[in-house]
N, C-alpha and C. Protein backbone atom coordinates (compact mmCIF):
# COMPACT_ATOMS: atom_id res chain seq x y z
N MET A 1 -40.28 -51.59 55.83
CA MET A 1 -39.85 -51.55 54.76
C MET A 1 -38.26 -51.82 54.86
N GLY A 2 -37.62 -51.88 56.00
CA GLY A 2 -36.05 -52.43 56.06
C GLY A 2 -35.90 -53.59 55.54
N ALA A 3 -36.56 -54.77 55.78
CA ALA A 3 -36.55 -56.00 55.40
C ALA A 3 -36.42 -56.25 53.97
N PHE A 4 -37.27 -55.30 53.06
CA PHE A 4 -37.43 -55.40 51.80
C PHE A 4 -36.09 -54.98 51.36
N LYS A 5 -35.55 -53.80 51.68
CA LYS A 5 -34.58 -53.14 51.21
C LYS A 5 -33.17 -54.18 51.60
N ASP A 6 -33.24 -54.96 52.59
CA ASP A 6 -32.00 -55.80 52.97
C ASP A 6 -32.22 -56.84 51.78
N PHE A 7 -33.22 -57.35 51.70
CA PHE A 7 -33.49 -58.36 50.39
C PHE A 7 -32.93 -58.13 49.24
N ARG A 8 -33.63 -56.75 48.85
CA ARG A 8 -32.90 -56.18 47.53
C ARG A 8 -31.67 -56.02 47.57
N ASP A 9 -30.91 -55.74 48.43
CA ASP A 9 -29.48 -55.58 48.42
C ASP A 9 -29.02 -57.14 48.54
N PHE A 10 -29.20 -58.05 49.09
CA PHE A 10 -28.64 -59.33 48.96
C PHE A 10 -29.13 -59.95 47.84
N ILE A 11 -30.03 -59.79 47.12
CA ILE A 11 -30.19 -60.37 45.81
C ILE A 11 -29.23 -59.58 44.74
N LEU A 12 -29.21 -58.35 44.81
CA LEU A 12 -28.55 -57.71 43.82
C LEU A 12 -26.95 -57.66 44.31
N ARG A 13 -26.49 -58.28 44.89
CA ARG A 13 -25.02 -58.58 45.29
C ARG A 13 -24.49 -59.35 44.25
N GLY A 14 -23.22 -59.05 43.76
CA GLY A 14 -22.54 -59.69 42.90
C GLY A 14 -22.30 -61.35 42.96
N ASN A 15 -22.19 -61.70 44.24
CA ASN A 15 -22.02 -63.16 44.31
C ASN A 15 -23.13 -63.93 44.11
N VAL A 16 -24.42 -63.41 44.64
CA VAL A 16 -25.50 -63.99 44.21
C VAL A 16 -26.08 -64.12 42.87
N VAL A 17 -26.03 -63.10 42.00
CA VAL A 17 -26.21 -63.14 40.95
C VAL A 17 -25.29 -64.06 40.05
N ASP A 18 -24.05 -63.71 40.17
CA ASP A 18 -22.98 -64.78 39.73
C ASP A 18 -23.31 -65.99 39.83
N LEU A 19 -23.84 -66.51 41.27
CA LEU A 19 -24.09 -68.14 41.34
C LEU A 19 -25.39 -68.26 40.66
N ALA A 20 -26.62 -67.45 40.60
CA ALA A 20 -27.67 -67.88 39.80
C ALA A 20 -27.29 -67.92 38.26
N VAL A 21 -26.70 -67.12 37.73
CA VAL A 21 -26.25 -67.26 36.44
C VAL A 21 -25.47 -68.35 36.28
N GLY A 22 -24.33 -68.90 36.93
CA GLY A 22 -23.78 -70.20 36.81
C GLY A 22 -24.80 -71.37 37.30
N ILE A 23 -25.67 -71.33 37.80
CA ILE A 23 -26.59 -72.52 38.08
C ILE A 23 -27.64 -72.70 36.76
N VAL A 24 -27.94 -71.71 36.16
CA VAL A 24 -28.78 -71.72 34.92
C VAL A 24 -28.03 -72.18 33.77
N ILE A 25 -26.55 -71.82 33.76
CA ILE A 25 -25.62 -72.06 32.66
C ILE A 25 -25.69 -73.54 32.77
N GLY A 26 -25.18 -74.08 34.04
CA GLY A 26 -24.99 -75.17 34.60
C GLY A 26 -26.01 -76.22 34.22
N ALA A 27 -26.86 -75.83 34.57
CA ALA A 27 -28.26 -76.57 34.37
C ALA A 27 -28.71 -76.99 32.64
N SER A 28 -28.51 -75.83 31.94
CA SER A 28 -28.62 -75.84 30.50
C SER A 28 -27.47 -76.85 29.88
N PHE A 29 -26.22 -76.67 30.14
CA PHE A 29 -25.22 -77.46 29.80
C PHE A 29 -25.64 -78.99 30.07
N GLY A 30 -25.89 -79.18 31.26
CA GLY A 30 -26.31 -80.65 31.75
C GLY A 30 -27.34 -81.13 30.68
N ALA A 31 -28.26 -80.37 30.48
CA ALA A 31 -29.33 -80.75 29.51
C ALA A 31 -28.72 -81.12 28.13
N VAL A 32 -28.07 -80.37 27.65
CA VAL A 32 -27.38 -80.46 26.39
C VAL A 32 -26.45 -81.82 26.68
N VAL A 33 -25.63 -82.05 27.52
CA VAL A 33 -24.80 -83.24 27.59
C VAL A 33 -25.95 -84.46 27.68
N ALA A 34 -27.13 -84.33 28.47
CA ALA A 34 -27.89 -85.51 28.84
C ALA A 34 -28.27 -85.96 27.29
N ALA A 35 -28.72 -85.03 26.16
CA ALA A 35 -29.21 -85.13 25.06
C ALA A 35 -28.20 -85.85 24.25
N LEU A 36 -27.05 -85.27 24.44
CA LEU A 36 -25.91 -85.84 23.62
C LEU A 36 -25.76 -87.48 24.03
N VAL A 37 -25.69 -87.69 25.24
CA VAL A 37 -25.70 -89.23 25.75
C VAL A 37 -26.70 -89.89 25.18
N LYS A 38 -27.89 -89.53 25.42
CA LYS A 38 -29.27 -90.17 25.14
C LYS A 38 -29.41 -90.49 23.66
N ASP A 39 -28.81 -89.25 22.95
CA ASP A 39 -29.57 -89.46 21.60
C ASP A 39 -28.30 -89.90 20.54
N LEU A 40 -27.15 -89.64 20.99
CA LEU A 40 -26.13 -90.00 20.08
C LEU A 40 -25.03 -91.37 20.71
N ILE A 41 -24.67 -90.86 21.74
CA ILE A 41 -23.48 -91.65 22.58
C ILE A 41 -23.99 -93.15 22.75
N THR A 42 -25.11 -93.30 23.49
CA THR A 42 -25.67 -94.60 23.65
C THR A 42 -26.22 -95.38 22.57
N PRO A 43 -26.84 -94.64 21.86
CA PRO A 43 -27.13 -95.45 20.42
C PRO A 43 -25.93 -96.09 19.52
N LEU A 44 -24.87 -95.41 19.99
CA LEU A 44 -23.62 -95.91 19.33
C LEU A 44 -22.98 -97.11 19.91
N ILE A 45 -23.23 -96.93 21.41
CA ILE A 45 -22.68 -98.20 22.13
C ILE A 45 -23.57 -99.53 21.87
N GLY A 46 -24.83 -98.85 21.53
CA GLY A 46 -26.10 -100.18 21.39
C GLY A 46 -25.70 -100.68 19.97
N ILE A 47 -24.90 -100.20 19.02
CA ILE A 47 -24.72 -100.69 17.69
C ILE A 47 -23.88 -102.18 17.99
N PHE A 48 -23.05 -101.69 18.82
CA PHE A 48 -21.77 -103.00 19.27
C PHE A 48 -22.64 -104.19 19.94
N GLY A 49 -23.87 -103.81 20.74
CA GLY A 49 -24.58 -105.04 21.43
C GLY A 49 -25.78 -105.59 20.51
N GLY A 50 -26.35 -104.52 19.53
CA GLY A 50 -27.17 -105.12 18.77
C GLY A 50 -28.43 -104.79 19.39
N PHE A 51 -28.78 -103.77 20.32
CA PHE A 51 -29.68 -103.51 20.76
C PHE A 51 -30.04 -102.25 21.31
N ASP A 52 -31.21 -101.67 21.54
CA ASP A 52 -31.63 -100.54 21.98
C ASP A 52 -30.90 -100.39 23.36
N PHE A 53 -29.80 -99.63 23.56
CA PHE A 53 -29.18 -99.62 24.91
C PHE A 53 -29.79 -99.03 25.81
N SER A 54 -30.37 -97.62 25.31
CA SER A 54 -31.02 -96.68 26.29
C SER A 54 -32.26 -97.34 27.02
N SER A 55 -32.85 -98.34 26.15
CA SER A 55 -34.14 -98.74 26.86
C SER A 55 -33.71 -100.24 27.80
N ALA A 56 -32.66 -100.67 27.86
CA ALA A 56 -32.16 -101.91 28.72
C ALA A 56 -32.76 -102.06 30.00
N TYR A 57 -33.30 -103.07 30.38
CA TYR A 57 -33.80 -103.21 31.83
C TYR A 57 -33.84 -104.47 31.90
N PHE A 58 -33.88 -104.77 33.34
CA PHE A 58 -34.22 -106.23 33.96
C PHE A 58 -35.66 -106.17 35.05
N THR A 59 -36.05 -107.20 35.10
CA THR A 59 -37.35 -107.24 35.92
C THR A 59 -36.94 -108.43 37.32
N ILE A 60 -37.22 -108.01 38.33
CA ILE A 60 -37.36 -109.02 39.72
C ILE A 60 -38.57 -108.74 40.33
N ASN A 61 -39.41 -109.91 40.16
CA ASN A 61 -40.44 -109.54 41.00
C ASN A 61 -41.53 -108.56 40.82
N ASN A 62 -41.48 -108.42 39.32
CA ASN A 62 -42.52 -107.30 38.88
C ASN A 62 -41.86 -106.06 39.11
N SER A 63 -40.69 -105.63 39.49
CA SER A 63 -39.78 -104.68 39.76
C SER A 63 -38.90 -104.48 38.36
N LYS A 64 -39.38 -103.24 37.81
CA LYS A 64 -38.37 -102.95 36.63
C LYS A 64 -37.12 -101.89 37.10
N PHE A 65 -36.22 -102.57 36.66
CA PHE A 65 -34.58 -101.72 36.88
C PHE A 65 -34.01 -101.27 35.72
N LEU A 66 -34.28 -99.89 35.45
CA LEU A 66 -34.02 -99.31 34.10
C LEU A 66 -32.34 -99.19 34.26
N ILE A 67 -31.58 -100.25 33.64
CA ILE A 67 -30.24 -99.96 33.83
C ILE A 67 -29.73 -99.09 32.50
N GLY A 68 -30.41 -99.05 31.49
CA GLY A 68 -30.20 -98.40 30.37
C GLY A 68 -30.10 -96.78 30.68
N ASP A 69 -31.15 -96.42 31.41
CA ASP A 69 -31.51 -95.04 31.82
C ASP A 69 -30.15 -94.75 32.76
N PHE A 70 -30.07 -95.60 33.78
CA PHE A 70 -28.89 -95.48 34.68
C PHE A 70 -27.53 -94.92 33.88
N ILE A 71 -27.33 -95.73 33.18
CA ILE A 71 -26.12 -95.80 32.54
C ILE A 71 -25.90 -94.59 31.64
N ASN A 72 -27.16 -93.99 31.02
CA ASN A 72 -27.28 -92.83 30.58
C ASN A 72 -26.89 -91.57 31.20
N VAL A 73 -27.46 -91.62 32.45
CA VAL A 73 -27.27 -90.75 33.30
C VAL A 73 -25.95 -90.80 33.98
N LEU A 74 -25.11 -91.84 34.35
CA LEU A 74 -23.78 -92.08 34.55
C LEU A 74 -22.89 -91.44 33.62
N LEU A 75 -23.17 -91.93 32.31
CA LEU A 75 -22.33 -91.26 31.28
C LEU A 75 -22.46 -89.70 31.17
N THR A 76 -23.74 -88.83 31.40
CA THR A 76 -23.85 -87.84 31.37
C THR A 76 -23.05 -87.05 32.51
N PHE A 77 -23.05 -87.74 33.57
CA PHE A 77 -22.10 -87.33 34.88
C PHE A 77 -20.78 -87.29 34.52
N ILE A 78 -20.30 -88.25 33.90
CA ILE A 78 -18.87 -88.18 33.85
C ILE A 78 -18.48 -87.27 32.81
N ILE A 79 -19.10 -87.01 31.84
CA ILE A 79 -19.03 -86.19 30.66
C ILE A 79 -18.93 -84.59 31.31
N VAL A 80 -19.91 -84.37 32.01
CA VAL A 80 -20.17 -82.83 32.78
C VAL A 80 -18.83 -82.85 33.52
N ALA A 81 -18.52 -83.92 34.62
CA ALA A 81 -17.56 -83.83 35.21
C ALA A 81 -16.19 -83.51 34.54
N ALA A 82 -16.07 -84.14 33.54
CA ALA A 82 -14.42 -84.03 32.90
C ALA A 82 -14.76 -82.60 32.21
N VAL A 83 -15.62 -82.28 31.62
CA VAL A 83 -15.75 -80.91 31.12
C VAL A 83 -15.33 -79.89 32.08
N VAL A 84 -16.08 -79.83 33.19
CA VAL A 84 -15.76 -78.90 34.31
C VAL A 84 -14.48 -78.92 35.04
N PHE A 85 -13.88 -80.08 35.00
CA PHE A 85 -12.54 -80.49 35.47
C PHE A 85 -11.44 -80.00 34.51
N PHE A 86 -11.52 -80.17 33.21
CA PHE A 86 -10.52 -79.85 32.11
C PHE A 86 -10.60 -78.59 31.73
N LEU A 87 -11.86 -78.00 31.63
CA LEU A 87 -12.07 -76.67 30.87
C LEU A 87 -12.24 -75.73 32.28
N ILE A 88 -12.33 -75.84 33.38
CA ILE A 88 -12.55 -74.86 34.53
C ILE A 88 -11.77 -75.09 35.48
N VAL A 89 -11.73 -76.25 36.36
CA VAL A 89 -10.87 -76.46 37.56
C VAL A 89 -9.33 -76.39 37.01
N ARG A 90 -8.83 -77.22 36.29
CA ARG A 90 -7.31 -77.07 35.93
C ARG A 90 -7.03 -75.71 35.40
N PRO A 91 -7.67 -75.03 34.35
CA PRO A 91 -6.90 -73.74 34.03
C PRO A 91 -7.04 -72.70 35.40
N VAL A 92 -8.20 -72.62 36.14
CA VAL A 92 -8.11 -71.90 37.26
C VAL A 92 -6.87 -72.11 38.04
N ASN A 93 -6.80 -73.62 38.56
CA ASN A 93 -5.61 -73.90 39.28
C ASN A 93 -4.46 -73.26 38.93
N ALA A 94 -4.18 -73.69 37.61
CA ALA A 94 -3.04 -73.14 37.20
C ALA A 94 -2.75 -71.65 36.98
N LEU A 95 -3.88 -70.99 36.83
CA LEU A 95 -3.78 -69.53 36.89
C LEU A 95 -3.50 -68.96 38.37
N MET A 96 -4.32 -69.78 39.39
CA MET A 96 -3.77 -68.99 40.68
C MET A 96 -2.42 -69.62 41.36
N ASP A 97 -2.12 -70.93 40.72
CA ASP A 97 -0.46 -71.09 40.98
C ASP A 97 0.41 -70.01 40.52
N ARG A 98 0.05 -69.69 38.98
CA ARG A 98 0.68 -68.33 38.62
C ARG A 98 0.97 -67.07 39.45
N PHE A 99 -0.01 -66.71 40.00
CA PHE A 99 -0.07 -65.64 40.63
C PHE A 99 0.03 -65.52 42.24
N LYS A 100 0.42 -66.93 42.65
CA LYS A 100 0.57 -67.42 43.94
C LYS A 100 1.79 -66.94 44.46
N LYS A 101 1.78 -65.96 45.60
CA LYS A 101 3.19 -65.36 45.93
C LYS A 101 3.89 -66.86 46.71
N PRO A 102 5.39 -66.75 46.36
CA PRO A 102 5.96 -67.85 46.84
C PRO A 102 6.11 -67.72 48.41
N GLU A 103 6.12 -68.63 49.46
CA GLU A 103 6.13 -68.56 50.61
C GLU A 103 7.65 -68.56 51.21
N PRO A 104 7.69 -67.50 52.13
CA PRO A 104 9.03 -67.19 52.34
C PRO A 104 9.96 -68.54 53.19
N GLU A 105 10.90 -68.54 52.73
CA GLU A 105 11.85 -69.80 53.36
C GLU A 105 12.30 -69.35 54.91
N VAL A 106 12.05 -70.36 55.44
CA VAL A 106 12.60 -70.08 56.86
C VAL A 106 13.76 -70.90 57.12
N SER A 107 14.83 -69.96 57.27
CA SER A 107 16.53 -70.49 57.66
C SER A 107 16.69 -71.07 58.83
N ASP A 108 17.53 -71.81 59.04
CA ASP A 108 17.82 -72.54 60.19
C ASP A 108 19.11 -71.94 60.81
N MET A 109 19.10 -70.61 60.23
CA MET A 109 20.51 -69.73 60.71
C MET A 109 19.98 -68.59 60.92
N ARG A 110 20.62 -67.79 62.16
CA ARG A 110 20.31 -66.46 62.64
C ARG A 110 21.51 -65.67 62.66
N ASP A 111 21.61 -64.51 62.84
CA ASP A 111 22.50 -63.57 63.19
C ASP A 111 22.94 -63.40 64.71
N CYS A 112 24.40 -63.70 65.25
CA CYS A 112 24.33 -63.52 66.63
C CYS A 112 24.06 -61.92 66.74
N PRO A 113 23.41 -61.45 68.00
CA PRO A 113 23.36 -60.22 68.19
C PRO A 113 24.59 -59.31 68.65
N PHE A 114 25.56 -60.17 68.93
CA PHE A 114 26.90 -59.58 69.53
C PHE A 114 27.91 -59.13 68.37
N CYS A 115 28.03 -60.38 67.76
CA CYS A 115 29.01 -60.13 66.67
C CYS A 115 28.47 -60.41 65.15
N THR A 116 27.10 -60.67 64.98
CA THR A 116 26.65 -60.43 63.41
C THR A 116 26.86 -61.82 62.83
N SER A 117 27.76 -62.87 63.28
CA SER A 117 28.04 -63.99 62.71
C SER A 117 26.67 -64.74 62.40
N SER A 118 26.78 -65.74 61.51
CA SER A 118 25.73 -66.39 61.40
C SER A 118 25.89 -67.63 62.02
N ILE A 119 24.68 -68.02 62.90
CA ILE A 119 24.76 -69.08 63.87
C ILE A 119 23.43 -69.95 63.75
N SER A 120 23.50 -71.15 64.48
CA SER A 120 22.23 -71.67 64.44
C SER A 120 21.25 -71.19 65.01
N ARG A 121 19.97 -71.23 64.74
CA ARG A 121 18.90 -70.97 65.54
C ARG A 121 18.84 -71.61 66.69
N LYS A 122 18.93 -72.91 66.95
CA LYS A 122 18.93 -73.41 68.23
C LYS A 122 20.26 -73.48 69.06
N ALA A 123 21.21 -72.38 68.55
CA ALA A 123 22.60 -72.11 69.36
C ALA A 123 22.10 -71.43 70.68
N THR A 124 22.68 -71.74 72.02
CA THR A 124 22.63 -70.92 73.32
C THR A 124 23.91 -70.12 73.42
N ARG A 125 24.96 -70.23 72.62
CA ARG A 125 26.35 -69.83 72.52
C ARG A 125 26.79 -69.56 71.35
N CYS A 126 27.17 -68.42 70.86
CA CYS A 126 27.73 -68.16 69.57
C CYS A 126 29.33 -68.87 69.14
N PRO A 127 29.43 -69.44 68.52
CA PRO A 127 30.73 -70.45 68.44
C PRO A 127 31.82 -69.34 68.24
N TYR A 128 31.42 -68.22 67.57
CA TYR A 128 32.54 -67.18 67.08
C TYR A 128 33.13 -66.42 68.37
N CYS A 129 31.91 -65.65 68.71
CA CYS A 129 32.14 -64.70 69.82
C CYS A 129 32.19 -65.34 71.39
N THR A 130 31.54 -66.54 71.60
CA THR A 130 31.37 -67.01 72.81
C THR A 130 30.49 -66.44 73.59
N SER A 131 29.67 -65.55 72.99
CA SER A 131 28.55 -64.87 73.77
C SER A 131 26.95 -65.74 74.08
N GLU A 132 26.65 -65.57 75.44
CA GLU A 132 25.54 -66.52 75.60
C GLU A 132 24.33 -65.81 74.64
N VAL A 133 23.44 -66.51 73.88
CA VAL A 133 22.26 -66.23 73.01
C VAL A 133 21.06 -66.79 73.55
N GLN A 134 19.96 -66.36 73.19
CA GLN A 134 18.85 -67.12 73.55
C GLN A 134 18.36 -67.81 72.11
N ALA A 135 18.16 -69.24 72.62
CA ALA A 135 17.71 -70.05 71.39
C ALA A 135 16.48 -69.74 70.98
N VAL A 136 16.17 -69.74 69.66
CA VAL A 136 14.91 -69.27 69.09
C VAL A 136 14.29 -70.43 68.48
N ALA A 137 13.07 -70.58 68.83
CA ALA A 137 12.15 -71.94 68.54
C ALA A 137 12.05 -71.86 67.38
N THR A 138 11.88 -72.85 66.52
CA THR A 138 11.70 -73.09 65.05
C THR A 138 10.21 -73.88 65.08
N ALA A 139 9.66 -73.27 63.76
CA ALA A 139 8.33 -73.58 63.80
C ALA A 139 8.27 -74.99 62.99
């Protein structure tokens, strides 16, 4: 019975459910875009060529190459990729940049342990009090 409980816990995790919802919505969106390209965009492109663009093909040695169908799929991919990039990736990146903590600056200077004057990290002797100090490695 332990394996079924583990499987149920795995399925009901938030990440798995979110991923499943994303895949279903993504597939539906892809179908809508594919219909848009096949039923509206390629016929509009075909107007300029004077032929049915989506059924364009050529034949070599009785092998039929469906170039119109390939162009439909290519246009569908480009539209889906553009929508995902401009409506999801760029806004999320901008949001992440807004909340990203700035990286602390590493100074080339440090304080002398004897006189507290500001000296170079590479210095082995303080120029102000002439005390010998350990050089600090820079990253």
